[in-house]
PDB file of N, CA and C in Angstrom:
ATOM      1  N   UNK A   1    -146.873  16.296  43.737  1.00  0.00           N
ATOM      2  CA  UNK A   1    -147.373  17.477  44.314  1.00  0.00           C
ATOM      3  C   UNK A   1    -148.248  17.222  45.456  1.00  0.00           C
ATOM      4  N   UNK A   2    -149.191  16.239  45.454  1.00  0.00           N
ATOM      5  CA  UNK A   2    -150.154  16.012  46.682  1.00  0.00           C
ATOM      6  C   UNK A   2    -149.355  15.709  47.871  1.00  0.00           C
ATOM      7  N   UNK A   3    -148.203  15.013  47.666  1.00  0.00           N
ATOM      8  CA  UNK A   3    -147.388  14.635  48.903  1.00  0.00           C
ATOM      9  C   UNK A   3    -146.809  15.918  49.566  1.00  0.00           C
ATOM     10  N   UNK A   4    -146.509  16.981  48.743  1.00  0.00           N
ATOM     11  CA  UNK A   4    -145.969  18.227  49.357  1.00  0.00           C
ATOM     12  C   UNK A   4    -147.084  18.881  50.250  1.00  0.00           C
ATOM     13  N   UNK A   5    -148.387  18.868  49.604  1.00  0.00           N
ATOM     14  CA  UNK A   5    -149.458  19.524  50.381  1.00  0.00           C
ATOM     15  C   UNK A   5    -149.723  18.719  51.683  1.00  0.00           C
ATOM     16  N   UNK A   6    -149.725  17.462  51.626  1.00  0.00           N
ATOM     17  CA  UNK A   6    -149.915  16.639  52.850  1.00  0.00           C
ATOM     18  C   UNK A   6    -148.903  16.887  53.881  1.00  0.00           C
ATOM     19  N   UNK A   7    -147.616  16.956  53.408  1.00  0.00           N
ATOM     20  CA  UNK A   7    -146.458  17.274  54.332  1.00  0.00           C
ATOM     21  C   UNK A   7    -146.628  18.615  54.889  1.00  0.00           C
ATOM     22  N   UNK A   8    -146.918  19.672  54.170  1.00  0.00           N
ATOM     23  CA  UNK A   8    -147.099  21.022  54.685  1.00  0.00           C
ATOM     24  C   UNK A   8    -148.270  21.046  55.690  1.00  0.00           C
ATOM     25  N   UNK A   9    -149.371  20.395  55.282  1.00  0.00           N
ATOM     26  CA  UNK A   9    -150.544  20.312  56.162  1.00  0.00           C
ATOM     27  C   UNK A   9    -150.258  19.649  57.473  1.00  0.00           C
ATOM     28  N   UNK A  10    -149.510  18.581  57.389  1.00  0.00           N
ATOM     29  CA  UNK A  10    -149.085  17.887  58.694  1.00  0.00           C
ATOM     30  C   UNK A  10    -148.202  18.754  59.636  1.00  0.00           C
ATOM     31  N   UNK A  11    -147.241  19.386  58.956  1.00  0.00           N
ATOM     32  CA  UNK A  11    -146.376  20.372  59.758  1.00  0.00           C
ATOM     33  C   UNK A  11    -147.191  21.448  60.454  1.00  0.00           C
ATOM     34  N   UNK A  12    -148.110  22.065  59.640  1.00  0.00           N
ATOM     35  CA  UNK A  12    -148.914  23.108  60.087  1.00  0.00           C
ATOM     36  C   UNK A  12    -149.882  22.618  61.226  1.00  0.00           C
ATOM     37  N   UNK A  13    -150.380  21.394  61.020  1.00  0.00           N
ATOM     38  CA  UNK A  13    -151.303  20.856  62.123  1.00  0.00           C
ATOM     39  C   UNK A  13    -150.576  20.658  63.447  1.00  0.00           C
ATOM     40  N   UNK A  14    -149.260  20.177  63.324  1.00  0.00           N
ATOM     41  CA  UNK A  14    -148.528  19.912  64.467  1.00  0.00           C
ATOM     42  C   UNK A  14    -148.200  21.313  65.216  1.00  0.00           C
ATOM     43  N   UNK A  15    -147.774  22.307  64.374  1.00  0.00           N
ATOM     44  CA  UNK A  15    -147.437  23.674  65.028  1.00  0.00           C
ATOM     45  C   UNK A  15    -148.740  24.225  65.596  1.00  0.00           C
ATOM     46  N   UNK A  16    -149.875  24.091  64.860  1.00  0.00           N
ATOM     47  CA  UNK A  16    -151.084  24.748  65.526  1.00  0.00           C
ATOM     48  C   UNK A  16    -151.521  24.006  66.770  1.00  0.00           C
ATOM     49  N   UNK A  17    -151.329  22.721  66.656  1.00  0.00           N
ATOM     50  CA  UNK A  17    -151.712  21.868  67.917  1.00  0.00           C
ATOM     51  C   UNK A  17    -150.880  22.258  69.132  1.00  0.00           C
ATOM     52  N   UNK A  18    -149.606  22.514  68.892  1.00  0.00           N
ATOM     53  CA  UNK A  18    -148.704  22.978  69.987  1.00  0.00           C
ATOM     54  C   UNK A  18    -149.135  24.385  70.473  1.00  0.00           C
ATOM     55  N   UNK A  19    -149.462  25.235  69.484  1.00  0.00           N
ATOM     56  CA  UNK A  19    -149.948  26.608  69.845  1.00  0.00           C
ATOM     57  C   UNK A  19    -151.232  26.596  70.703  1.00  0.00           C
ATOM     58  N   UNK A  20    -152.214  25.704  70.327  1.00  0.00           N
ATOM     59  CA  UNK A  20    -153.447  25.551  71.097  1.00  0.00           C
ATOM     60  C   UNK A  20    -153.169  24.981  72.482  1.00  0.00           C
ATOM     61  N   UNK A  21    -152.177  24.076  72.645  1.00  0.00           N
ATOM     62  CA  UNK A  21    -151.900  23.605  73.905  1.00  0.00           C
ATOM     63  C   UNK A  21    -151.226  24.703  74.835  1.00  0.00           C
ATOM     64  N   UNK A  22    -150.480  25.588  74.227  1.00  0.00           N
ATOM     65  CA  UNK A  22    -149.820  26.678  74.956  1.00  0.00           C
ATOM     66  C   UNK A  22    -150.786  27.812  75.259  1.00  0.00           C
ATOM     67  N   UNK A  23    -151.483  28.222  74.202  1.00  0.00           N
ATOM     68  CA  UNK A  23    -152.421  29.346  74.329  1.00  0.00           C
ATOM     69  C   UNK A  23    -153.855  28.871  73.931  1.00  0.00           C
ATOM     70  N   UNK A  24    -154.671  28.352  74.795  1.00  0.00           N
ATOM     71  CA  UNK A  24    -155.989  27.855  74.371  1.00  0.00           C
ATOM     72  C   UNK A  24    -156.843  28.874  73.741  1.00  0.00           C
ATOM     73  N   UNK A  25    -156.656  30.137  74.067  1.00  0.00           N
ATOM     74  CA  UNK A  25    -157.442  31.221  73.606  1.00  0.00           C
ATOM     75  C   UNK A  25    -157.316  31.468  72.056  1.00  0.00           C
ATOM     76  N   UNK A  26    -156.239  30.944  71.494  1.00  0.00           N
ATOM     77  CA  UNK A  26    -155.917  31.107  70.199  1.00  0.00           C
ATOM     78  C   UNK A  26    -156.528  30.046  69.223  1.00  0.00           C
ATOM     79  N   UNK A  27    -157.370  29.172  69.794  1.00  0.00           N
ATOM     80  CA  UNK A  27    -157.942  28.158  69.048  1.00  0.00           C
ATOM     81  C   UNK A  27    -158.630  28.678  67.767  1.00  0.00           C
ATOM     82  N   UNK A  28    -159.484  29.661  67.839  1.00  0.00           N
ATOM     83  CA  UNK A  28    -160.214  30.214  66.643  1.00  0.00           C
ATOM     84  C   UNK A  28    -159.261  30.749  65.702  1.00  0.00           C
ATOM     85  N   UNK A  29    -158.295  31.562  66.189  1.00  0.00           N
ATOM     86  CA  UNK A  29    -157.317  32.197  65.340  1.00  0.00           C
ATOM     87  C   UNK A  29    -156.398  31.084  64.603  1.00  0.00           C
ATOM     88  N   UNK A  30    -156.118  30.112  65.290  1.00  0.00           N
ATOM     89  CA  UNK A  30    -155.250  29.107  64.743  1.00  0.00           C
ATOM     90  C   UNK A  30    -156.033  28.293  63.618  1.00  0.00           C
ATOM     91  N   UNK A  31    -157.303  27.986  63.897  1.00  0.00           N
ATOM     92  CA  UNK A  31    -158.112  27.206  62.912  1.00  0.00           C
ATOM     93  C   UNK A  31    -158.233  28.127  61.647  1.00  0.00           C
ATOM     94  N   UNK A  32    -158.596  29.417  61.895  1.00  0.00           N
ATOM     95  CA  UNK A  32    -158.779  30.309  60.755  1.00  0.00           C
ATOM     96  C   UNK A  32    -157.529  30.445  59.945  1.00  0.00           C
ATOM     97  N   UNK A  33    -156.368  30.554  60.615  1.00  0.00           N
ATOM     98  CA  UNK A  33    -155.036  30.723  60.021  1.00  0.00           C
ATOM     99  C   UNK A  33    -154.752  29.564  59.091  1.00  0.00           C
ATOM    100  N   UNK A  34    -155.052  28.257  59.691  1.00  0.00           N
ATOM    101  CA  UNK A  34    -154.813  27.003  59.038  1.00  0.00           C
ATOM    102  C   UNK A  34    -155.627  26.943  57.801  1.00  0.00           C
ATOM    103  N   UNK A  35    -156.901  27.263  57.919  1.00  0.00           N
ATOM    104  CA  UNK A  35    -157.795  27.066  56.792  1.00  0.00           C
ATOM    105  C   UNK A  35    -157.444  28.126  55.634  1.00  0.00           C
ATOM    106  N   UNK A  36    -156.978  29.383  56.042  1.00  0.00           N
ATOM    107  CA  UNK A  36    -156.686  30.302  55.018  1.00  0.00           C
ATOM    108  C   UNK A  36    -155.346  29.777  54.322  1.00  0.00           C
ATOM    109  N   UNK A  37    -154.397  29.284  55.033  1.00  0.00           N
ATOM    110  CA  UNK A  37    -153.127  28.800  54.416  1.00  0.00           C
ATOM    111  C   UNK A  37    -153.506  27.625  53.537  1.00  0.00           C
ATOM    112  N   UNK A  38    -154.293  26.760  54.010  1.00  0.00           N
ATOM    113  CA  UNK A  38    -154.662  25.598  53.301  1.00  0.00           C
ATOM    114  C   UNK A  38    -155.341  25.930  51.931  1.00  0.00           C
ATOM    115  N   UNK A  39    -156.173  26.877  52.021  1.00  0.00           N
ATOM    116  CA  UNK A  39    -156.964  27.342  50.782  1.00  0.00           C
ATOM    117  C   UNK A  39    -155.975  28.072  49.788  1.00  0.00           C
ATOM    118  N   UNK A  40    -155.074  28.854  50.309  1.00  0.00           N
ATOM    119  CA  UNK A  40    -154.124  29.415  49.409  1.00  0.00           C
ATOM    120  C   UNK A  40    -153.155  28.428  48.775  1.00  0.00           C
ATOM    121  N   UNK A  41    -152.683  27.419  49.448  1.00  0.00           N
ATOM    122  CA  UNK A  41    -152.042  26.354  48.900  1.00  0.00           C
ATOM    123  C   UNK A  41    -152.781  25.612  47.780  1.00  0.00           C
ATOM    124  N   UNK A  42    -154.046  25.321  48.104  1.00  0.00           N
ATOM    125  CA  UNK A  42    -154.831  24.697  47.065  1.00  0.00           C
ATOM    126  C   UNK A  42    -155.046  25.481  45.817  1.00  0.00           C
ATOM    127  N   UNK A  43    -155.278  26.751  45.953  1.00  0.00           N
ATOM    128  CA  UNK A  43    -155.412  27.628  44.760  1.00  0.00           C
ATOM    129  C   UNK A  43    -154.049  27.688  44.022  1.00  0.00           C
ATOM    130  N   UNK A  44    -152.986  27.856  44.734  1.00  0.00           N
ATOM    131  CA  UNK A  44    -151.635  28.039  44.103  1.00  0.00           C
ATOM    132  C   UNK A  44    -151.347  26.642  43.327  1.00  0.00           C
ATOM    133  N   UNK A  45    -151.644  25.458  43.944  1.00  0.00           N
ATOM    134  CA  UNK A  45    -151.388  24.200  43.220  1.00  0.00           C
ATOM    135  C   UNK A  45    -152.268  24.017  42.030  1.00  0.00           C
ATOM    136  N   UNK A  46    -153.513  24.495  42.145  1.00  0.00           N
ATOM    137  CA  UNK A  46    -154.444  24.423  41.008  1.00  0.00           C
ATOM    138  C   UNK A  46    -154.019  25.195  39.855  1.00  0.00           C
ATOM    139  N   UNK A  47    -153.371  26.301  40.071  1.00  0.00           N
ATOM    140  CA  UNK A  47    -152.851  27.152  38.996  1.00  0.00           C
ATOM    141  C   UNK A  47    -151.664  26.577  38.395  1.00  0.00           C
ATOM    142  N   UNK A  48    -150.847  25.820  39.200  1.00  0.00           N
ATOM    143  CA  UNK A  48    -149.663  25.206  38.616  1.00  0.00           C
ATOM    144  C   UNK A  48    -150.051  23.985  37.755  1.00  0.00           C
ATOM    145  N   UNK A  49    -151.112  23.331  38.165  1.00  0.00           N
ATOM    146  CA  UNK A  49    -151.529  22.082  37.438  1.00  0.00           C
ATOM    147  C   UNK A  49    -152.448  22.507  36.366  1.00  0.00           C
TER     148      UNK A  49
END
């Protein structure tokens, strides 16, 4: 399971990095979105385990 989280995090980080390069004004939004998604994933995996 931790491998899945790391893979998803890596993919999200790449996507968000590209978005920041294209639209620098979205840095705050991108970071917030990433943290929210990461938190939801952590809670979801905690309930599974």
